[in-house]
Amino acid sequence: WFPGWPQFNHYGAQPSDDGLADQDCVELRDLYRFPSKGMGQTKTYYWNDRNCEALNPFICQQAITKDTAKTFASPKCNRSIVLRSGYPQAFIESPGFPISYPPALTCHFTVAVPRGKQVEIRFNDFSLEKDDRCSYDYLEIQDGETQEESSLIRYCGNWTDKLKLLRFLSRTNQIKLTFQSDISNTERGFQAEVRVGPDENEAVANQCDSQMFRLLNNTCYLLISYPEVKWSKANDICVESGARLATAQSLKQKMVLQSLVESADESRSYVLYWVGGVKEAGLKNWYWIDGQPIDEI
């Protein structure tokens, strides 16, 4: 730390934050203010506490070894799991979990169950780098053994408050998971339980993408009673699960929503649920989020 100017009774000694100035970051500098006016340059660089919102050049540091990924890689990183009646479940997780996963890493997991069965994934934790397109750090699930029969879905970001929405049920008896991290910004990672799911014939009755949704009147619905969130957060959660906030553009749709709420275990007269109605500031008319006007039903 800068000891202050000795000729001025150590004026300007650092750190100088009194706990109220938000100077919570450290910079390296050789220019310090004199007690009267002007700046003076020191013979060497010193530490100085600074507001973290200040704009500065910066210095990165990396270990000289090039074996970072190899050092962190372990049998947990690349695994082939075969589930059966005597071994119906297993756990997979990002390397180092719950400590941040290493950068520049690629891990592959394959999970297979008996023919006619499905693979079910239930996440206990999930926190990766957030990106709208999941281009940086992500977990990708390939449903199906061959490219012709497979489908891909990719997850990223922090799902801590909505882990129930991450429950995955395959359409085939084998899945492949790829975990990818880029060269920066690592997070806590993920942990998931994989288990033998129901028979394929049991899932045919539910034509929705996820078993969490209920098929009513040719539409899939998901009612979330907890946690309670703001409208914007509710809308984000629906979008992230491949859906949208519910709308009711006909009397039949309104009755479906009403029956769905009444059938919930948590249904009480004082419980309120967000639906997809919005009004822009300064306008009188209300609209559903798909652009249709909200009419009296």
Protein backbone atom coordinates (compact mmCIF):
# COMPACT_ATOMS: atom_id res chain seq x y z
CA TRP A 1 0.00 0.00 0.00
CA PHE A 2 1.12 3.59 -0.64
CA PRO A 3 2.61 4.84 2.66
CA GLY A 4 1.80 8.49 1.92
CA TRP A 5 4.14 11.40 1.19
CA PRO A 6 6.79 11.38 3.94
CA GLN A 7 7.55 15.12 3.50
CA PHE A 8 3.86 15.90 4.20
CA ASN A 9 3.41 13.79 7.32
CA HIS A 10 2.45 10.73 5.20
CA TYR A 11 -0.45 12.51 3.54
CA GLY A 12 -2.49 10.24 1.26
CA ALA A 13 -1.58 6.94 2.93
CA GLN A 14 -3.60 3.98 1.62
CA PRO A 15 -5.95 2.25 2.05
CA SER A 16 -8.08 5.30 2.75
CA ASP A 17 -11.63 3.91 2.57
CA ASP A 18 -13.48 4.66 5.80
CA GLY A 19 -16.01 1.93 5.04
CA LEU A 20 -18.52 4.36 3.48
CA ALA A 21 -16.84 5.26 0.19
CA ASP A 22 -17.40 1.94 -1.66
CA GLN A 23 -13.71 1.67 -2.46
CA ASP A 24 -13.80 -2.11 -2.44
CA CYS A 25 -11.33 -2.93 -5.23
CA VAL A 26 -7.55 -2.66 -5.53
CA GLU A 27 -5.60 -0.96 -8.30
CA LEU A 28 -1.88 -0.57 -8.99
CA ARG A 29 -0.69 3.01 -9.51
CA ASP A 30 2.23 5.42 -9.20
CA LEU A 31 0.41 8.77 -9.19
CA TYR A 32 -0.87 10.22 -5.90
CA ARG A 33 -2.31 13.58 -4.93
CA PHE A 34 -0.32 16.18 -2.98
CA PRO A 35 -1.98 17.88 0.03
CA SER A 36 -2.13 21.28 -1.71
CA LYS A 37 -2.75 20.60 -5.39
CA GLY A 38 -1.38 18.55 -8.21
CA MET A 39 -0.18 14.96 -8.45
CA GLY A 40 3.17 13.40 -7.74
CA GLN A 41 4.74 10.29 -9.24
CA THR A 42 6.31 7.68 -6.97
CA LYS A 43 9.45 5.72 -7.79
CA THR A 44 7.56 2.44 -7.63
CA TYR A 45 3.98 1.24 -7.94
CA TYR A 46 1.75 0.85 -4.87
CA TRP A 47 -1.63 -0.65 -4.08
CA ASN A 48 -4.54 1.78 -3.91
CA ASP A 49 -8.14 1.10 -2.93
CA ARG A 50 -10.67 2.27 -5.55
CA ASN A 51 -14.36 2.23 -6.38
CA CYS A 52 -15.06 -0.95 -8.36
CA GLU A 53 -17.12 1.02 -10.92
CA ALA A 54 -14.08 3.06 -12.01
CA LEU A 55 -12.73 2.39 -15.50
CA ASN A 56 -9.18 1.02 -15.59
CA PRO A 57 -6.99 -1.16 -17.77
CA PHE A 58 -6.46 -4.56 -16.17
CA ILE A 59 -4.07 -7.48 -15.84
CA CYS A 60 -4.96 -11.14 -16.34
CA GLN A 61 -3.05 -14.03 -14.86
CA GLN A 62 -2.85 -17.69 -15.89
CA ALA A 63 -0.76 -20.58 -14.65
CA ILE A 64 2.05 -21.54 -17.01
CA THR A 65 0.90 -25.15 -17.21
CA LYS A 66 -1.24 -26.07 -20.22
CA ASP A 67 -2.76 -29.08 -18.47
CA THR A 68 -5.61 -27.23 -16.76
CA ALA A 69 -8.39 -29.29 -18.30
CA LYS A 70 -6.40 -32.50 -17.85
CA THR A 71 -5.82 -31.72 -14.19
CA PHE A 72 -9.54 -31.28 -13.48
CA ALA A 73 -10.73 -34.11 -15.72
CA SER A 74 -11.75 -37.21 -13.80
CA PRO A 75 -13.84 -40.34 -14.33
CA LYS A 76 -16.86 -38.18 -13.43
CA CYS A 77 -16.21 -36.02 -16.50
CA ASN A 78 -16.64 -38.74 -19.14
CA ARG A 79 -18.97 -41.53 -18.13
CA SER A 80 -21.16 -44.20 -19.65
CA ILE A 81 -24.05 -45.21 -17.40
CA VAL A 82 -26.33 -48.19 -17.95
CA LEU A 83 -29.39 -48.22 -15.68
CA ARG A 84 -31.47 -51.32 -15.02
CA SER A 85 -33.75 -52.80 -12.37
CA GLY A 86 -30.85 -53.57 -10.02
CA TYR A 87 -29.22 -50.17 -10.67
CA PRO A 88 -32.14 -47.81 -11.32
CA GLN A 89 -30.46 -44.48 -10.65
CA ALA A 90 -27.13 -42.62 -10.66
CA PHE A 91 -25.77 -39.11 -10.20
CA ILE A 92 -23.85 -36.96 -12.66
CA GLU A 93 -22.27 -33.59 -11.98
CA SER A 94 -19.90 -31.03 -13.42
CA PRO A 95 -16.23 -31.50 -12.48
CA GLY A 96 -15.41 -30.06 -9.06
CA PHE A 97 -19.06 -29.56 -8.08
CA PRO A 98 -20.07 -27.68 -5.93
CA ILE A 99 -16.84 -25.73 -6.47
CA SER A 100 -16.70 -23.84 -9.78
CA TYR A 101 -15.96 -26.02 -12.78
CA PRO A 102 -12.73 -25.36 -14.69
CA PRO A 103 -12.65 -23.35 -17.93
CA ALA A 104 -12.12 -24.74 -21.44
CA LEU A 105 -13.59 -28.13 -20.63
CA THR A 106 -15.72 -30.64 -22.52
CA CYS A 107 -17.35 -33.60 -20.76
CA HIS A 108 -19.53 -36.35 -22.23
CA PHE A 109 -22.07 -38.54 -20.43
CA THR A 110 -24.18 -41.31 -21.96
CA VAL A 111 -27.13 -42.81 -20.12
CA ALA A 112 -28.99 -45.90 -21.33
CA VAL A 113 -31.99 -47.76 -19.94
CA PRO A 114 -33.71 -50.98 -21.09
CA ARG A 115 -35.57 -50.83 -24.40
CA GLY A 116 -39.11 -49.59 -23.99
CA LYS A 117 -38.12 -47.45 -20.99
CA GLN A 118 -37.23 -43.76 -20.83
CA VAL A 119 -34.47 -41.77 -19.11
CA GLU A 120 -35.56 -39.29 -16.46
CA ILE A 121 -33.31 -36.45 -15.26
CA ARG A 122 -33.95 -34.49 -12.07
CA PHE A 123 -31.56 -31.64 -11.30
CA ASN A 124 -30.54 -30.91 -7.71
CA ASP A 125 -28.56 -27.81 -8.68
CA PHE A 126 -27.82 -25.92 -11.87
CA SER A 127 -25.78 -22.72 -12.26
CA LEU A 128 -23.82 -22.06 -15.45
CA GLU A 129 -22.76 -18.87 -17.21
CA LYS A 130 -25.83 -17.09 -18.59
CA ASP A 131 -26.20 -16.37 -22.29
CA ASP A 132 -29.36 -15.91 -24.34
CA ARG A 133 -28.17 -18.48 -26.89
CA CYS A 134 -26.28 -20.71 -24.45
CA SER A 135 -23.14 -20.31 -26.56
CA TYR A 136 -20.52 -20.17 -23.79
CA ASP A 137 -21.09 -22.63 -20.93
CA TYR A 138 -23.93 -25.10 -21.43
CA LEU A 139 -25.30 -28.60 -20.88
CA GLU A 140 -26.64 -30.13 -24.08
CA ILE A 141 -28.91 -33.18 -24.08
CA GLN A 142 -29.19 -35.38 -27.18
CA ASP A 143 -32.27 -37.57 -26.98
CA GLY A 144 -31.66 -40.66 -29.12
CA GLU A 145 -28.70 -42.82 -30.11
CA THR A 146 -28.57 -41.97 -33.80
CA GLN A 147 -28.60 -38.54 -35.41
CA GLU A 148 -31.73 -39.41 -37.39
CA GLU A 149 -33.87 -40.14 -34.33
CA SER A 150 -32.32 -37.66 -31.91
CA SER A 151 -33.36 -34.19 -30.76
CA LEU A 152 -31.17 -31.58 -29.02
CA ILE A 153 -31.92 -29.27 -26.12
CA ARG A 154 -29.41 -26.93 -24.46
CA TYR A 155 -29.48 -25.40 -20.96
CA CYS A 156 -27.42 -22.61 -19.36
CA GLY A 157 -27.80 -19.85 -16.76
CA ASN A 158 -28.90 -20.06 -13.14
CA TRP A 159 -31.97 -22.27 -12.49
CA THR A 160 -31.68 -22.32 -8.70
CA ASP A 161 -35.17 -20.88 -8.14
CA LYS A 162 -36.87 -23.01 -10.79
CA LEU A 163 -35.23 -26.44 -10.71
CA LYS A 164 -38.59 -28.19 -11.15
CA LEU A 165 -38.74 -26.80 -14.68
CA LEU A 166 -35.52 -28.61 -15.56
CA ARG A 167 -36.99 -32.09 -15.10
CA PHE A 168 -36.32 -33.95 -18.35
CA LEU A 169 -37.93 -37.12 -19.71
CA SER A 170 -36.47 -38.65 -22.85
CA ARG A 171 -38.43 -39.96 -25.79
CA THR A 172 -35.97 -42.82 -26.35
CA ASN A 173 -34.03 -45.22 -24.14
CA GLN A 174 -30.66 -43.50 -24.53
CA ILE A 175 -29.42 -39.94 -24.09
CA LYS A 176 -26.08 -38.20 -24.46
CA LEU A 177 -25.15 -35.17 -22.38
CA THR A 178 -22.36 -32.77 -23.30
CA PHE A 179 -21.08 -30.25 -20.79
CA GLN A 180 -19.04 -27.42 -22.31
CA SER A 181 -17.28 -24.47 -20.65
CA ASP A 182 -15.45 -21.66 -22.41
CA ILE A 183 -12.21 -19.98 -21.35
CA SER A 184 -13.72 -17.62 -18.74
CA ASN A 185 -16.54 -16.95 -16.24
CA THR A 186 -17.06 -20.29 -14.56
CA GLU A 187 -19.94 -20.91 -12.14
CA ARG A 188 -20.93 -23.51 -9.54
CA GLY A 189 -21.99 -26.11 -12.11
CA PHE A 190 -24.72 -28.75 -11.93
CA GLN A 191 -25.70 -31.97 -10.22
CA ALA A 192 -28.45 -34.25 -11.50
CA GLU A 193 -30.02 -37.60 -10.75
CA VAL A 194 -30.64 -39.88 -13.73
CA ARG A 195 -33.07 -42.73 -13.31
CA VAL A 196 -35.12 -45.27 -15.19
CA GLY A 197 -38.30 -43.51 -16.28
CA PRO A 198 -41.70 -44.94 -17.22
CA ASP A 199 -42.49 -47.11 -20.22
CA GLU A 200 -42.76 -45.29 -23.54
CA ASN A 201 -46.40 -46.39 -23.73
CA GLU A 202 -47.11 -44.65 -20.42
CA ALA A 203 -45.94 -41.32 -21.86
CA VAL A 204 -47.94 -41.51 -25.06
CA ALA A 205 -51.03 -40.33 -23.18
CA ASN A 206 -49.25 -37.11 -22.37
CA GLN A 207 -48.41 -35.34 -25.62
CA CYS A 208 -46.73 -32.42 -23.89
CA ASP A 209 -42.96 -31.99 -24.05
CA SER A 210 -42.63 -32.48 -20.29
CA GLN A 211 -44.55 -34.54 -17.77
CA MET A 212 -44.84 -31.44 -15.58
CA PHE A 213 -47.39 -30.06 -18.06
CA ARG A 214 -51.01 -31.20 -18.18
CA LEU A 215 -52.87 -31.67 -21.43
CA LEU A 216 -56.23 -29.87 -21.28
CA ASN A 217 -58.35 -28.92 -24.28
CA ASN A 218 -55.46 -29.69 -26.68
CA THR A 219 -53.17 -27.29 -24.81
CA CYS A 220 -50.36 -28.05 -22.35
CA TYR A 221 -50.52 -26.19 -19.02
CA LEU A 222 -48.08 -25.91 -16.14
CA LEU A 223 -49.32 -24.42 -12.88
CA ILE A 224 -46.54 -23.15 -10.59
CA SER A 225 -47.61 -22.24 -7.08
CA TYR A 226 -44.14 -21.73 -5.60
CA PRO A 227 -42.12 -19.59 -5.54
CA GLU A 228 -44.27 -16.48 -5.93
CA VAL A 229 -42.64 -14.09 -8.39
CA LYS A 230 -43.25 -10.84 -10.24
CA TRP A 231 -45.07 -10.88 -13.58
CA SER A 232 -41.88 -10.33 -15.55
CA LYS A 233 -40.16 -13.20 -13.72
CA ALA A 234 -43.15 -15.46 -14.29
CA ASN A 235 -43.03 -14.65 -17.99
CA ASP A 236 -39.28 -15.39 -18.11
CA ILE A 237 -39.77 -18.76 -16.41
CA CYS A 238 -42.49 -19.74 -18.89
CA VAL A 239 -40.36 -18.71 -21.86
CA GLU A 240 -37.32 -20.60 -20.54
CA SER A 241 -39.45 -23.76 -20.28
CA GLY A 242 -40.56 -23.37 -23.92
CA ALA A 243 -43.98 -21.95 -23.06
CA ARG A 244 -45.62 -18.58 -22.34
CA LEU A 245 -47.96 -17.18 -19.74
CA ALA A 246 -51.45 -18.56 -20.21
CA THR A 247 -54.09 -16.68 -22.17
CA ALA A 248 -57.87 -17.07 -22.34
CA GLN A 249 -59.31 -15.85 -25.63
CA SER A 250 -62.51 -17.86 -25.36
CA LEU A 251 -64.96 -18.93 -22.68
CA LYS A 252 -63.72 -22.50 -23.01
CA GLN A 253 -60.12 -21.46 -22.34
CA LYS A 254 -61.21 -19.41 -19.34
CA MET A 255 -63.06 -22.42 -17.91
CA VAL A 256 -59.97 -24.61 -18.44
CA LEU A 257 -57.80 -22.16 -16.48
CA GLN A 258 -60.38 -21.96 -13.72
CA SER A 259 -60.60 -25.75 -13.41
CA LEU A 260 -56.80 -26.02 -13.42
CA VAL A 261 -56.48 -23.60 -10.50
CA GLU A 262 -59.31 -25.22 -8.57
CA SER A 263 -57.77 -28.68 -8.97
CA ALA A 264 -54.42 -27.62 -7.50
CA ASP A 265 -53.63 -28.80 -3.98
CA GLU A 266 -52.66 -25.26 -3.06
CA SER A 267 -55.90 -23.80 -4.37
CA ARG A 268 -57.36 -21.24 -1.97
CA SER A 269 -59.64 -18.31 -2.46
CA TYR A 270 -56.79 -15.90 -1.72
CA VAL A 271 -54.28 -17.39 -4.19
CA LEU A 272 -53.65 -15.31 -7.30
CA TYR A 273 -52.00 -16.50 -10.52
CA TRP A 274 -50.33 -14.47 -13.22
CA VAL A 275 -51.65 -14.85 -16.78
CA GLY A 276 -50.37 -13.36 -20.01
CA GLY A 277 -52.20 -10.03 -20.07
CA VAL A 278 -50.32 -6.73 -20.45
CA LYS A 279 -50.97 -3.01 -20.97
CA GLU A 280 -48.41 -0.59 -22.30
CA ALA A 281 -47.84 2.60 -20.35
CA GLY A 282 -50.09 5.43 -21.52
CA LEU A 283 -52.56 3.15 -23.30
CA LYS A 284 -56.04 2.21 -22.15
CA ASN A 285 -56.42 -1.16 -23.86
CA TRP A 286 -55.15 -4.46 -22.51
CA TYR A 287 -53.72 -7.19 -24.71
CA TRP A 288 -52.66 -10.80 -24.39
CA ILE A 289 -48.92 -11.34 -24.87
CA ASP A 290 -49.58 -12.76 -28.35
CA GLY A 291 -51.00 -9.38 -29.41
CA GLN A 292 -54.71 -10.27 -29.27
CA PRO A 293 -56.98 -7.80 -27.44
CA ILE A 294 -58.44 -8.87 -24.12
CA ASP A 295 -62.21 -8.95 -24.56
CA GLU A 296 -64.83 -9.55 -21.90
CA ILE A 297 -65.57 -13.27 -21.72
